[in-house]
PDB file of N, CA and C in Angstrom:
ATOM      1  N   MET A   1       6.072 -12.541 -13.255  1.00  0.00           N
ATOM      2  CA  MET A   1       6.122 -11.816 -12.017  1.00  0.00           C
ATOM      3  C   MET A   1       5.973 -12.836 -10.889  1.00  0.00           C
ATOM      4  N   PRO A   2       7.031 -13.086 -10.129  1.00  0.00           N
ATOM      5  CA  PRO A   2       6.969 -14.098  -9.065  1.00  0.00           C
ATOM      6  C   PRO A   2       6.449 -13.527  -7.755  1.00  0.00           C
ATOM      7  N   ALA A   3       5.927 -14.423  -6.918  1.00  0.00           N
ATOM      8  CA  ALA A   3       5.517 -14.065  -5.554  1.00  0.00           C
ATOM      9  C   ALA A   3       5.708 -15.290  -4.665  1.00  0.00           C
ATOM     10  N   LEU A   4       6.055 -15.047  -3.430  1.00  0.00           N
ATOM     11  CA  LEU A   4       6.168 -16.097  -2.415  1.00  0.00           C
ATOM     12  C   LEU A   4       5.261 -15.735  -1.252  1.00  0.00           C
ATOM     13  N   LEU A   5       4.525 -16.720  -0.764  1.00  0.00           N
ATOM     14  CA  LEU A   5       3.634 -16.535   0.381  1.00  0.00           C
ATOM     15  C   LEU A   5       3.941 -17.630   1.393  1.00  0.00           C
ATOM     16  N   GLU A   6       3.831 -17.313   2.675  1.00  0.00           N
ATOM     17  CA  GLU A   6       4.010 -18.320   3.720  1.00  0.00           C
ATOM     18  C   GLU A   6       3.014 -18.083   4.835  1.00  0.00           C
ATOM     19  N   LYS A   7       2.523 -19.162   5.374  1.00  0.00           N
ATOM     20  CA  LYS A   7       1.711 -19.121   6.587  1.00  0.00           C
ATOM     21  C   LYS A   7       1.906 -20.452   7.282  1.00  0.00           C
ATOM     22  N   GLY A   8       2.544 -20.412   8.448  1.00  0.00           N
ATOM     23  CA  GLY A   8       2.815 -21.643   9.175  1.00  0.00           C
ATOM     24  C   GLY A   8       3.665 -22.571   8.344  1.00  0.00           C
ATOM     25  N   ASN A   9       3.180 -23.784   8.152  1.00  0.00           N
ATOM     26  CA  ASN A   9       3.934 -24.776   7.397  1.00  0.00           C
ATOM     27  C   ASN A   9       3.639 -24.753   5.893  1.00  0.00           C
ATOM     28  N   LEU A  10       2.821 -23.811   5.441  1.00  0.00           N
ATOM     29  CA  LEU A  10       2.476 -23.726   4.023  1.00  0.00           C
ATOM     30  C   LEU A  10       3.340 -22.675   3.326  1.00  0.00           C
ATOM     31  N   HIS A  11       3.936 -23.064   2.204  1.00  0.00           N
ATOM     32  CA  HIS A  11       4.831 -22.206   1.440  1.00  0.00           C
ATOM     33  C   HIS A  11       4.354 -22.222  -0.016  1.00  0.00           C
ATOM     34  N   VAL A  12       4.025 -21.063  -0.549  1.00  0.00           N
ATOM     35  CA  VAL A  12       3.451 -20.955  -1.889  1.00  0.00           C
ATOM     36  C   VAL A  12       4.380 -20.135  -2.776  1.00  0.00           C
ATOM     37  N   GLY A  13       4.614 -20.628  -3.974  1.00  0.00           N
ATOM     38  CA  GLY A  13       5.316 -19.874  -5.003  1.00  0.00           C
ATOM     39  C   GLY A  13       4.411 -19.770  -6.210  1.00  0.00           C
ATOM     40  N   LEU A  14       4.260 -18.571  -6.741  1.00  0.00           N
ATOM     41  CA  LEU A  14       3.442 -18.416  -7.934  1.00  0.00           C
ATOM     42  C   LEU A  14       4.058 -17.365  -8.839  1.00  0.00           C
ATOM     43  N   GLY A  15       3.764 -17.491 -10.116  1.00  0.00           N
ATOM     44  CA  GLY A  15       4.275 -16.553 -11.088  1.00  0.00           C
ATOM     45  C   GLY A  15       3.237 -16.279 -12.152  1.00  0.00           C
ATOM     46  N   PHE A  16       3.270 -15.058 -12.683  1.00  0.00           N
ATOM     47  CA  PHE A  16       2.287 -14.628 -13.668  1.00  0.00           C
ATOM     48  C   PHE A  16       2.944 -13.998 -14.875  1.00  0.00           C
ATOM     49  N   SER A  17       2.308 -14.188 -16.020  1.00  0.00           N
ATOM     50  CA  SER A  17       2.618 -13.487 -17.253  1.00  0.00           C
ATOM     51  C   SER A  17       1.392 -12.661 -17.600  1.00  0.00           C
ATOM     52  N   GLY A  18       1.573 -11.726 -18.496  1.00  0.00           N
ATOM     53  CA  GLY A  18       0.405 -10.961 -18.925  1.00  0.00           C
ATOM     54  C   GLY A  18       0.655  -9.480 -19.066  1.00  0.00           C
ATOM     55  N   GLY A  19       1.907  -9.072 -19.137  1.00  0.00           N
ATOM     56  CA  GLY A  19       2.199  -7.659 -19.344  1.00  0.00           C
ATOM     57  C   GLY A  19       1.573  -6.786 -18.273  1.00  0.00           C
ATOM     58  N   PRO A  20       0.871  -5.725 -18.670  1.00  0.00           N
ATOM     59  CA  PRO A  20       0.335  -4.785 -17.688  1.00  0.00           C
ATOM     60  C   PRO A  20      -0.779  -5.364 -16.809  1.00  0.00           C
ATOM     61  N   ILE A  21      -1.330  -6.503 -17.192  1.00  0.00           N
ATOM     62  CA  ILE A  21      -2.410  -7.130 -16.432  1.00  0.00           C
ATOM     63  C   ILE A  21      -1.877  -7.969 -15.277  1.00  0.00           C
ATOM     64  N   GLN A  22      -0.625  -8.417 -15.346  1.00  0.00           N
ATOM     65  CA  GLN A  22      -0.143  -9.440 -14.422  1.00  0.00           C
ATOM     66  C   GLN A  22      -0.240  -9.042 -12.948  1.00  0.00           C
ATOM     67  N   VAL A  23      -0.008  -7.793 -12.605  1.00  0.00           N
ATOM     68  CA  VAL A  23      -0.088  -7.385 -11.197  1.00  0.00           C
ATOM     69  C   VAL A  23      -1.512  -7.544 -10.681  1.00  0.00           C
ATOM     70  N   MET A  24      -2.486  -7.025 -11.435  1.00  0.00           N
ATOM     71  CA  MET A  24      -3.884  -7.113 -10.995  1.00  0.00           C
ATOM     72  C   MET A  24      -4.359  -8.567 -10.953  1.00  0.00           C
ATOM     73  N   ALA A  25      -3.961  -9.367 -11.948  1.00  0.00           N
ATOM     74  CA  ALA A  25      -4.360 -10.779 -11.978  1.00  0.00           C
ATOM     75  C   ALA A  25      -3.760 -11.530 -10.796  1.00  0.00           C
ATOM     76  N   GLN A  26      -2.467 -11.308 -10.536  1.00  0.00           N
ATOM     77  CA  GLN A  26      -1.825 -12.009  -9.428  1.00  0.00           C
ATOM     78  C   GLN A  26      -2.451 -11.623  -8.083  1.00  0.00           C
ATOM     79  N   MET A  27      -2.751 -10.361  -7.896  1.00  0.00           N
ATOM     80  CA  MET A  27      -3.354  -9.940  -6.632  1.00  0.00           C
ATOM     81  C   MET A  27      -4.758 -10.521  -6.460  1.00  0.00           C
ATOM     82  N   GLN A  28      -5.503 -10.690  -7.555  1.00  0.00           N
ATOM     83  CA  GLN A  28      -6.818 -11.316  -7.453  1.00  0.00           C
ATOM     84  C   GLN A  28      -6.685 -12.781  -7.032  1.00  0.00           C
ATOM     85  N   VAL A  29      -5.697 -13.480  -7.590  1.00  0.00           N
ATOM     86  CA  VAL A  29      -5.473 -14.884  -7.218  1.00  0.00           C
ATOM     87  C   VAL A  29      -5.032 -14.976  -5.752  1.00  0.00           C
ATOM     88  N   ILE A  30      -4.114 -14.119  -5.338  1.00  0.00           N
ATOM     89  CA  ILE A  30      -3.678 -14.124  -3.931  1.00  0.00           C
ATOM     90  C   ILE A  30      -4.850 -13.830  -3.008  1.00  0.00           C
ATOM     91  N   SER A  31      -5.683 -12.858  -3.354  1.00  0.00           N
ATOM     92  CA  SER A  31      -6.863 -12.546  -2.541  1.00  0.00           C
ATOM     93  C   SER A  31      -7.831 -13.732  -2.492  1.00  0.00           C
ATOM     94  N   ASN A  32      -7.978 -14.436  -3.613  1.00  0.00           N
ATOM     95  CA  ASN A  32      -8.847 -15.618  -3.625  1.00  0.00           C
ATOM     96  C   ASN A  32      -8.371 -16.656  -2.612  1.00  0.00           C
ATOM     97  N   VAL A  33      -7.051 -16.818  -2.489  1.00  0.00           N
ATOM     98  CA  VAL A  33      -6.487 -17.796  -1.550  1.00  0.00           C
ATOM     99  C   VAL A  33      -6.565 -17.271  -0.116  1.00  0.00           C
ATOM    100  N   VAL A  34      -6.029 -16.080   0.099  1.00  0.00           N
ATOM    101  CA  VAL A  34      -5.891 -15.530   1.454  1.00  0.00           C
ATOM    102  C   VAL A  34      -7.231 -15.090   2.037  1.00  0.00           C
ATOM    103  N   ASP A  35      -7.991 -14.336   1.269  1.00  0.00           N
ATOM    104  CA  ASP A  35      -9.235 -13.759   1.787  1.00  0.00           C
ATOM    105  C   ASP A  35     -10.448 -14.674   1.649  1.00  0.00           C
ATOM    106  N   LEU A  36     -10.491 -15.450   0.558  1.00  0.00           N
ATOM    107  CA  LEU A  36     -11.673 -16.273   0.292  1.00  0.00           C
ATOM    108  C   LEU A  36     -11.459 -17.751   0.596  1.00  0.00           C
ATOM    109  N   GLY A  37     -10.221 -18.140   0.945  1.00  0.00           N
ATOM    110  CA  GLY A  37      -9.956 -19.517   1.336  1.00  0.00           C
ATOM    111  C   GLY A  37      -9.986 -20.530   0.209  1.00  0.00           C
ATOM    112  N   MET A  38      -9.834 -20.079  -1.032  1.00  0.00           N
ATOM    113  CA  MET A  38      -9.829 -21.020  -2.161  1.00  0.00           C
ATOM    114  C   MET A  38      -8.520 -21.798  -2.191  1.00  0.00           C
ATOM    115  N   ASN A  39      -8.561 -23.009  -2.758  1.00  0.00           N
ATOM    116  CA  ASN A  39      -7.302 -23.701  -3.022  1.00  0.00           C
ATOM    117  C   ASN A  39      -6.672 -23.058  -4.264  1.00  0.00           C
ATOM    118  N   LEU A  40      -5.414 -23.406  -4.539  1.00  0.00           N
ATOM    119  CA  LEU A  40      -4.702 -22.745  -5.631  1.00  0.00           C
ATOM    120  C   LEU A  40      -5.386 -22.913  -6.981  1.00  0.00           C
ATOM    121  N   GLN A  41      -5.868 -24.116  -7.285  1.00  0.00           N
ATOM    122  CA  GLN A  41      -6.492 -24.323  -8.595  1.00  0.00           C
ATOM    123  C   GLN A  41      -7.772 -23.517  -8.716  1.00  0.00           C
ATOM    124  N   ALA A  42      -8.599 -23.520  -7.689  1.00  0.00           N
ATOM    125  CA  ALA A  42      -9.841 -22.735  -7.732  1.00  0.00           C
ATOM    126  C   ALA A  42      -9.534 -21.249  -7.876  1.00  0.00           C
ATOM    127  N   ALA A  43      -8.485 -20.786  -7.203  1.00  0.00           N
ATOM    128  CA  ALA A  43      -8.108 -19.373  -7.278  1.00  0.00           C
ATOM    129  C   ALA A  43      -7.664 -18.988  -8.686  1.00  0.00           C
ATOM    130  N   LEU A  44      -6.924 -19.876  -9.356  1.00  0.00           N
ATOM    131  CA  LEU A  44      -6.500 -19.609 -10.730  1.00  0.00           C
ATOM    132  C   LEU A  44      -7.664 -19.715 -11.711  1.00  0.00           C
ATOM    133  N   ASP A  45      -8.605 -20.599 -11.446  1.00  0.00           N
ATOM    134  CA  ASP A  45      -9.759 -20.798 -12.325  1.00  0.00           C
ATOM    135  C   ASP A  45     -10.776 -19.661 -12.224  1.00  0.00           C
ATOM    136  N   ALA A  46     -10.821 -18.967 -11.108  1.00  0.00           N
ATOM    137  CA  ALA A  46     -11.875 -17.986 -10.828  1.00  0.00           C
ATOM    138  C   ALA A  46     -11.901 -16.865 -11.872  1.00  0.00           C
ATOM    139  N   PRO A  47     -13.074 -16.284 -12.099  1.00  0.00           N
ATOM    140  CA  PRO A  47     -13.169 -15.150 -13.026  1.00  0.00           C
ATOM    141  C   PRO A  47     -12.285 -14.000 -12.556  1.00  0.00           C
ATOM    142  N   ARG A  48     -11.808 -13.216 -13.513  1.00  0.00           N
ATOM    143  CA  ARG A  48     -11.000 -12.036 -13.201  1.00  0.00           C
ATOM    144  C   ARG A  48     -11.616 -10.812 -13.858  1.00  0.00           C
ATOM    145  N   PHE A  49     -11.272  -9.679 -13.330  1.00  0.00           N
ATOM    146  CA  PHE A  49     -11.696  -8.407 -13.895  1.00  0.00           C
ATOM    147  C   PHE A  49     -10.476  -7.503 -13.916  1.00  0.00           C
ATOM    148  N   PHE A  50     -10.461  -6.564 -14.806  1.00  0.00           N
ATOM    149  CA  PHE A  50      -9.380  -5.602 -14.852  1.00  0.00           C
ATOM    150  C   PHE A  50      -9.825  -4.409 -15.670  1.00  0.00           C
ATOM    151  N   SER A  51      -9.109  -3.317 -15.517  1.00  0.00           N
ATOM    152  CA  SER A  51      -9.505  -2.084 -16.174  1.00  0.00           C
ATOM    153  C   SER A  51      -8.301  -1.298 -16.646  1.00  0.00           C
ATOM    154  N   PHE A  52      -8.433  -0.731 -17.811  1.00  0.00           N
ATOM    155  CA  PHE A  52      -7.547   0.330 -18.281  1.00  0.00           C
ATOM    156  C   PHE A  52      -8.439   1.560 -18.348  1.00  0.00           C
ATOM    157  N   ASP A  53      -9.109   1.745 -19.468  1.00  0.00           N
ATOM    158  CA  ASP A  53     -10.091   2.828 -19.540  1.00  0.00           C
ATOM    159  C   ASP A  53     -11.510   2.268 -19.515  1.00  0.00           C
ATOM    160  N   GLN A  54     -11.613   0.960 -19.516  1.00  0.00           N
ATOM    161  CA  GLN A  54     -12.907   0.290 -19.372  1.00  0.00           C
ATOM    162  C   GLN A  54     -12.662  -1.041 -18.677  1.00  0.00           C
ATOM    163  N   TRP A  55     -13.700  -1.598 -18.094  1.00  0.00           N
ATOM    164  CA  TRP A  55     -13.584  -2.887 -17.403  1.00  0.00           C
ATOM    165  C   TRP A  55     -13.717  -4.013 -18.404  1.00  0.00           C
ATOM    166  N   LEU A  56     -12.809  -4.957 -18.329  1.00  0.00           N
ATOM    167  CA  LEU A  56     -12.894  -6.162 -19.142  1.00  0.00           C
ATOM    168  C   LEU A  56     -13.375  -7.279 -18.226  1.00  0.00           C
ATOM    169  N   VAL A  57     -14.500  -7.872 -18.549  1.00  0.00           N
ATOM    170  CA  VAL A  57     -15.076  -8.908 -17.700  1.00  0.00           C
ATOM    171  C   VAL A  57     -15.534 -10.074 -18.556  1.00  0.00           C
ATOM    172  N   SER A  58     -15.525 -11.245 -17.961  1.00  0.00           N
ATOM    173  CA  SER A  58     -15.930 -12.462 -18.654  1.00  0.00           C
ATOM    174  C   SER A  58     -17.429 -12.472 -18.905  1.00  0.00           C
ATOM    175  N   ARG A  59     -17.801 -12.711 -20.133  1.00  0.00           N
ATOM    176  CA  ARG A  59     -19.208 -12.749 -20.515  1.00  0.00           C
ATOM    177  C   ARG A  59     -19.971 -13.820 -19.744  1.00  0.00           C
ATOM    178  N   GLY A  60     -19.400 -15.017 -19.645  1.00  0.00           N
ATOM    179  CA  GLY A  60     -20.143 -16.125 -19.062  1.00  0.00           C
ATOM    180  C   GLY A  60     -19.861 -16.384 -17.596  1.00  0.00           C
ATOM    181  N   ARG A  61     -18.891 -15.690 -16.994  1.00  0.00           N
ATOM    182  CA  ARG A  61     -18.490 -16.050 -15.643  1.00  0.00           C
ATOM    183  C   ARG A  61     -18.731 -14.956 -14.610  1.00  0.00           C
ATOM    184  N   ILE A  62     -19.022 -13.745 -15.059  1.00  0.00           N
ATOM    185  CA  ILE A  62     -19.384 -12.673 -14.142  1.00  0.00           C
ATOM    186  C   ILE A  62     -20.901 -12.544 -14.242  1.00  0.00           C
ATOM    187  N   PRO A  63     -21.614 -12.674 -13.121  1.00  0.00           N
ATOM    188  CA  PRO A  63     -23.084 -12.652 -13.186  1.00  0.00           C
ATOM    189  C   PRO A  63     -23.616 -11.393 -13.878  1.00  0.00           C
ATOM    190  N   ILE A  64     -24.694 -11.571 -14.631  1.00  0.00           N
ATOM    191  CA  ILE A  64     -25.273 -10.451 -15.372  1.00  0.00           C
ATOM    192  C   ILE A  64     -25.700  -9.328 -14.423  1.00  0.00           C
ATOM    193  N   GLU A  65     -26.142  -9.682 -13.219  1.00  0.00           N
ATOM    194  CA  GLU A  65     -26.538  -8.657 -12.250  1.00  0.00           C
ATOM    195  C   GLU A  65     -25.348  -7.766 -11.897  1.00  0.00           C
ATOM    196  N   THR A  66     -24.172  -8.372 -11.765  1.00  0.00           N
ATOM    197  CA  THR A  66     -22.952  -7.610 -11.468  1.00  0.00           C
ATOM    198  C   THR A  66     -22.591  -6.726 -12.643  1.00  0.00           C
ATOM    199  N   ARG A  67     -22.636  -7.289 -13.848  1.00  0.00           N
ATOM    200  CA  ARG A  67     -22.326  -6.501 -15.041  1.00  0.00           C
ATOM    201  C   ARG A  67     -23.295  -5.339 -15.201  1.00  0.00           C
ATOM    202  N   ASP A  68     -24.600  -5.601 -15.009  1.00  0.00           N
ATOM    203  CA  ASP A  68     -25.602  -4.537 -15.130  1.00  0.00           C
ATOM    204  C   ASP A  68     -25.387  -3.465 -14.064  1.00  0.00           C
ATOM    205  N   GLY A  69     -25.041  -3.887 -12.846  1.00  0.00           N
ATOM    206  CA  GLY A  69     -24.792  -2.925 -11.771  1.00  0.00           C
ATOM    207  C   GLY A  69     -23.616  -2.011 -12.088  1.00  0.00           C
ATOM    208  N   LEU A  70     -22.539  -2.589 -12.641  1.00  0.00           N
ATOM    209  CA  LEU A  70     -21.389  -1.776 -13.030  1.00  0.00           C
ATOM    210  C   LEU A  70     -21.769  -0.792 -14.130  1.00  0.00           C
ATOM    211  N   ALA A  71     -22.544  -1.256 -15.121  1.00  0.00           N
ATOM    212  CA  ALA A  71     -22.970  -0.385 -16.220  1.00  0.00           C
ATOM    213  C   ALA A  71     -23.852   0.754 -15.696  1.00  0.00           C
ATOM    214  N   ARG A  72     -24.768   0.464 -14.757  1.00  0.00           N
ATOM    215  CA  ARG A  72     -25.628   1.508 -14.189  1.00  0.00           C
ATOM    216  C   ARG A  72     -24.820   2.581 -13.459  1.00  0.00           C
ATOM    217  N   LYS A  73     -23.659   2.192 -12.932  1.00  0.00           N
ATOM    218  CA  LYS A  73     -22.805   3.153 -12.230  1.00  0.00           C
ATOM    219  C   LYS A  73     -21.892   3.919 -13.188  1.00  0.00           C
ATOM    220  N   GLY A  74     -22.055   3.671 -14.477  1.00  0.00           N
ATOM    221  CA  GLY A  74     -21.304   4.421 -15.472  1.00  0.00           C
ATOM    222  C   GLY A  74     -20.030   3.752 -15.953  1.00  0.00           C
ATOM    223  N   HIS A  75     -19.746   2.531 -15.495  1.00  0.00           N
ATOM    224  CA  HIS A  75     -18.555   1.828 -15.964  1.00  0.00           C
ATOM    225  C   HIS A  75     -18.783   1.322 -17.381  1.00  0.00           C
ATOM    226  N   ARG A  76     -17.780   1.480 -18.207  1.00  0.00           N
ATOM    227  CA  ARG A  76     -17.831   0.907 -19.551  1.00  0.00           C
ATOM    228  C   ARG A  76     -17.302  -0.508 -19.467  1.00  0.00           C
ATOM    229  N   LEU A  77     -18.030  -1.453 -20.025  1.00  0.00           N
ATOM    230  CA  LEU A  77     -17.648  -2.862 -19.974  1.00  0.00           C
ATOM    231  C   LEU A  77     -17.345  -3.388 -21.367  1.00  0.00           C
ATOM    232  N   GLU A  78     -16.322  -4.227 -21.435  1.00  0.00           N
ATOM    233  CA  GLU A  78     -16.056  -5.007 -22.641  1.00  0.00           C
ATOM    234  C   GLU A  78     -16.125  -6.462 -22.220  1.00  0.00           C
ATOM    235  N   LEU A  79     -17.014  -7.213 -22.841  1.00  0.00           N
ATOM    236  CA  LEU A  79     -17.186  -8.615 -22.487  1.00  0.00           C
ATOM    237  C   LEU A  79     -16.181  -9.463 -23.242  1.00  0.00           C
ATOM    238  N   THR A  80     -15.559 -10.384 -22.530  1.00  0.00           N
ATOM    239  CA  THR A  80     -14.574 -11.284 -23.118  1.00  0.00           C
ATOM    240  C   THR A  80     -15.087 -12.712 -23.015  1.00  0.00           C
ATOM    241  N   GLY A  81     -14.361 -13.628 -23.604  1.00  0.00           N
ATOM    242  CA  GLY A  81     -14.687 -15.044 -23.475  1.00  0.00           C
ATOM    243  C   GLY A  81     -14.382 -15.532 -22.067  1.00  0.00           C
ATOM    244  N   GLU A  82     -14.614 -16.804 -21.820  1.00  0.00           N
ATOM    245  CA  GLU A  82     -14.500 -17.350 -20.470  1.00  0.00           C
ATOM    246  C   GLU A  82     -13.086 -17.338 -19.909  1.00  0.00           C
ATOM    247  N   TYR A  83     -12.121 -17.809 -20.660  1.00  0.00           N
ATOM    248  CA  TYR A  83     -10.745 -17.894 -20.164  1.00  0.00           C
ATOM    249  C   TYR A  83      -9.810 -17.221 -21.170  1.00  0.00           C
ATOM    250  N   GLN A  84      -9.816 -15.922 -21.209  1.00  0.00           N
ATOM    251  CA  GLN A  84      -8.991 -15.180 -22.151  1.00  0.00           C
ATOM    252  C   GLN A  84      -7.587 -14.956 -21.598  1.00  0.00           C
ATOM    253  N   GLU A  85      -6.584 -15.175 -22.427  1.00  0.00           N
ATOM    254  CA  GLU A  85      -5.202 -14.912 -22.019  1.00  0.00           C
ATOM    255  C   GLU A  85      -5.001 -13.456 -21.639  1.00  0.00           C
ATOM    256  N   ILE A  86      -5.821 -12.567 -22.177  1.00  0.00           N
ATOM    257  CA  ILE A  86      -5.677 -11.153 -21.863  1.00  0.00           C
ATOM    258  C   ILE A  86      -5.865 -10.891 -20.361  1.00  0.00           C
ATOM    259  N   ALA A  87      -6.479 -11.838 -19.651  1.00  0.00           N
ATOM    260  CA  ALA A  87      -6.685 -11.699 -18.206  1.00  0.00           C
ATOM    261  C   ALA A  87      -5.453 -12.122 -17.419  1.00  0.00           C
ATOM    262  N   GLY A  88      -4.324 -12.318 -18.074  1.00  0.00           N
ATOM    263  CA  GLY A  88      -3.121 -12.775 -17.392  1.00  0.00           C
ATOM    264  C   GLY A  88      -3.243 -14.261 -17.079  1.00  0.00           C
ATOM    265  N   PHE A  89      -2.101 -14.902 -16.869  1.00  0.00           N
ATOM    266  CA  PHE A  89      -2.148 -16.318 -16.518  1.00  0.00           C
ATOM    267  C   PHE A  89      -0.948 -16.662 -15.663  1.00  0.00           C
ATOM    268  N   GLY A  90      -1.169 -17.631 -14.776  1.00  0.00           N
ATOM    269  CA  GLY A  90      -0.115 -17.984 -13.842  1.00  0.00           C
ATOM    270  C   GLY A  90      -0.035 -19.473 -13.565  1.00  0.00           C
ATOM    271  N   GLN A  91       1.012 -19.814 -12.866  1.00  0.00           N
ATOM    272  CA  GLN A  91       1.244 -21.178 -12.399  1.00  0.00           C
ATOM    273  C   GLN A  91       1.594 -21.059 -10.911  1.00  0.00           C
ATOM    274  N   ALA A  92       1.290 -22.085 -10.135  1.00  0.00           N
ATOM    275  CA  ALA A  92       1.543 -21.999  -8.696  1.00  0.00           C
ATOM    276  C   ALA A  92       1.880 -23.375  -8.123  1.00  0.00           C
ATOM    277  N   VAL A  93       2.667 -23.356  -7.075  1.00  0.00           N
ATOM    278  CA  VAL A  93       2.976 -24.568  -6.318  1.00  0.00           C
ATOM    279  C   VAL A  93       2.847 -24.240  -4.838  1.00  0.00           C
ATOM    280  N   ILE A  94       2.537 -25.258  -4.066  1.00  0.00           N
ATOM    281  CA  ILE A  94       2.450 -25.107  -2.618  1.00  0.00           C
ATOM    282  C   ILE A  94       3.154 -26.307  -1.990  1.00  0.00           C
ATOM    283  N   PHE A  95       3.882 -26.057  -0.919  1.00  0.00           N
ATOM    284  CA  PHE A  95       4.595 -27.104  -0.200  1.00  0.00           C
ATOM    285  C   PHE A  95       4.186 -27.042   1.261  1.00  0.00           C
ATOM    286  N   ASP A  96       3.732 -28.159   1.788  1.00  0.00           N
ATOM    287  CA  ASP A  96       3.394 -28.283   3.202  1.00  0.00           C
ATOM    288  C   ASP A  96       4.600 -28.906   3.895  1.00  0.00           C
ATOM    289  N   SER A  97       5.371 -28.094   4.600  1.00  0.00           N
ATOM    290  CA  SER A  97       6.618 -28.576   5.199  1.00  0.00           C
ATOM    291  C   SER A  97       6.363 -29.509   6.382  1.00  0.00           C
ATOM    292  N   ALA A  98       5.154 -29.524   6.929  1.00  0.00           N
ATOM    293  CA  ALA A  98       4.838 -30.441   8.023  1.00  0.00           C
ATOM    294  C   ALA A  98       4.628 -31.866   7.514  1.00  0.00           C
ATOM    295  N   THR A  99       4.047 -31.989   6.318  1.00  0.00           N
ATOM    296  CA  THR A  99       3.744 -33.319   5.782  1.00  0.00           C
ATOM    297  C   THR A  99       4.645 -33.705   4.612  1.00  0.00           C
ATOM    298  N   GLY A 100       5.351 -32.716   4.042  1.00  0.00           N
ATOM    299  CA  GLY A 100       6.175 -32.971   2.869  1.00  0.00           C
ATOM    300  C   GLY A 100       5.370 -33.049   1.580  1.00  0.00           C
ATOM    301  N   THR A 101       4.103 -32.669   1.631  1.00  0.00           N
ATOM    302  CA  THR A 101       3.219 -32.755   0.473  1.00  0.00           C
ATOM    303  C   THR A 101       3.409 -31.541  -0.429  1.00  0.00           C
ATOM    304  N   LYS A 102       3.430 -31.804  -1.737  1.00  0.00           N
ATOM    305  CA  LYS A 102       3.559 -30.758  -2.748  1.00  0.00           C
ATOM    306  C   LYS A 102       2.317 -30.770  -3.628  1.00  0.00           C
ATOM    307  N   TYR A 103       1.839 -29.596  -3.947  1.00  0.00           N
ATOM    308  CA  TYR A 103       0.689 -29.439  -4.829  1.00  0.00           C
ATOM    309  C   TYR A 103       1.049 -28.475  -5.934  1.00  0.00           C
ATOM    310  N   GLY A 104       0.411 -28.593  -7.081  1.00  0.00           N
ATOM    311  CA  GLY A 104       0.612 -27.660  -8.176  1.00  0.00           C
ATOM    312  C   GLY A 104      -0.720 -27.251  -8.761  1.00  0.00           C
ATOM    313  N   ALA A 105      -0.749 -26.089  -9.401  1.00  0.00           N
ATOM    314  CA  ALA A 105      -1.961 -25.592 -10.043  1.00  0.00           C
ATOM    315  C   ALA A 105      -1.557 -24.843 -11.305  1.00  0.00           C
ATOM    316  N   SER A 106      -2.399 -24.939 -12.325  1.00  0.00           N
ATOM    317  CA  SER A 106      -2.104 -24.326 -13.610  1.00  0.00           C
ATOM    318  C   SER A 106      -3.319 -23.553 -14.109  1.00  0.00           C
ATOM    319  N   ASP A 107      -3.078 -22.374 -14.593  1.00  0.00           N
ATOM    320  CA  ASP A 107      -4.151 -21.501 -15.075  1.00  0.00           C
ATOM    321  C   ASP A 107      -4.722 -22.033 -16.383  1.00  0.00           C
ATOM    322  N   PRO A 108      -6.053 -22.148 -16.483  1.00  0.00           N
ATOM    323  CA  PRO A 108      -6.657 -22.642 -17.721  1.00  0.00           C
ATOM    324  C   PRO A 108      -6.548 -21.654 -18.882  1.00  0.00           C
ATOM    325  N   ARG A 109      -6.086 -20.435 -18.616  1.00  0.00           N
ATOM    326  CA  ARG A 109      -5.957 -19.431 -19.676  1.00  0.00           C
ATOM    327  C   ARG A 109      -4.704 -19.636 -20.517  1.00  0.00           C
ATOM    328  N   ALA A 110      -3.829 -20.538 -20.102  1.00  0.00           N
ATOM    329  CA  ALA A 110      -2.576 -20.765 -20.826  1.00  0.00           C
ATOM    330  C   ALA A 110      -2.407 -22.261 -21.070  1.00  0.00           C
ATOM    331  N   ASP A 111      -1.258 -22.637 -21.606  1.00  0.00           N
ATOM    332  CA  ASP A 111      -1.053 -24.033 -21.973  1.00  0.00           C
ATOM    333  C   ASP A 111      -0.187 -24.792 -20.971  1.00  0.00           C
ATOM    334  N   GLY A 112      -0.056 -24.306 -19.751  1.00  0.00           N
ATOM    335  CA  GLY A 112       0.726 -25.002 -18.733  1.00  0.00           C
ATOM    336  C   GLY A 112      -0.026 -26.197 -18.169  1.00  0.00           C
ATOM    337  N   ALA A 113       0.641 -26.918 -17.280  1.00  0.00           N
ATOM    338  CA  ALA A 113       0.021 -28.075 -16.628  1.00  0.00           C
ATOM    339  C   ALA A 113       0.687 -28.296 -15.285  1.00  0.00           C
ATOM    340  N   ALA A 114      -0.072 -28.764 -14.331  1.00  0.00           N
ATOM    341  CA  ALA A 114       0.463 -29.173 -13.033  1.00  0.00           C
ATOM    342  C   ALA A 114       0.576 -30.695 -13.074  1.00  0.00           C
ATOM    343  N   ILE A 115       1.795 -31.188 -13.192  1.00  0.00           N
ATOM    344  CA  ILE A 115       2.024 -32.624 -13.347  1.00  0.00           C
ATOM    345  C   ILE A 115       2.570 -33.174 -12.035  1.00  0.00           C
ATOM    346  N   PRO A 116       1.942 -34.213 -11.488  1.00  0.00           N
ATOM    347  CA  PRO A 116       2.404 -34.764 -10.194  1.00  0.00           C
ATOM    348  C   PRO A 116       3.839 -35.270 -10.253  1.00  0.00           C
ATOM    349  N   GLU A 117       4.527 -35.069  -9.160  1.00  0.00           N
ATOM    350  CA  GLU A 117       5.884 -35.604  -9.018  1.00  0.00           C
ATOM    351  C   GLU A 117       5.778 -37.106  -8.772  1.00  0.00           C
ATOM    352  N   PRO A 118       6.606 -37.896  -9.439  1.00  0.00           N
ATOM    353  CA  PRO A 118       6.547 -39.354  -9.194  1.00  0.00           C
ATOM    354  C   PRO A 118       6.908 -39.681  -7.737  1.00  0.00           C
ATOM    355  N   LEU A 119       6.289 -40.720  -7.225  1.00  0.00           N
ATOM    356  CA  LEU A 119       6.631 -41.182  -5.879  1.00  0.00           C
ATOM    357  C   LEU A 119       8.047 -41.742  -5.877  1.00  0.00           C
ATOM    358  N   PRO A 120       8.788 -41.546  -4.788  1.00  0.00           N
ATOM    359  CA  PRO A 120      10.143 -42.119  -4.724  1.00  0.00           C
ATOM    360  C   PRO A 120      10.078 -43.633  -4.758  1.00  0.00           C
ATOM    361  N   LYS A 121      11.098 -44.249  -5.345  1.00  0.00           N
ATOM    362  CA  LYS A 121      11.116 -45.713  -5.453  1.00  0.00           C
ATOM    363  C   LYS A 121      11.710 -46.332  -4.210  1.00  0.00           C
TER     364      LYS A 121
END
């Protein structure tokens, strides 16, 4: 699922896999960048949450106080490992058209990589 974002001289392209999870995962990553000011790698690394009939949350990355609070409100939780593919996974690039700088980011939930472009000779 591709997405393009622009603000001023910054141009972002990102894509997600993950079946029914991909929309929620991608929107969480976009919110991490736009609303929380994270860089692309931090946004992809951040914990995710999602729900079908119960909330799936990371055992080690969502604070226990948050998990307990959700349970007290009647939410059913299923704890997952730290970087589960079930949370969707994406890759992203950003281009700064003012400086010509390119950046890449890769989700730790999958086997992708952000490999630097070689400098021109």
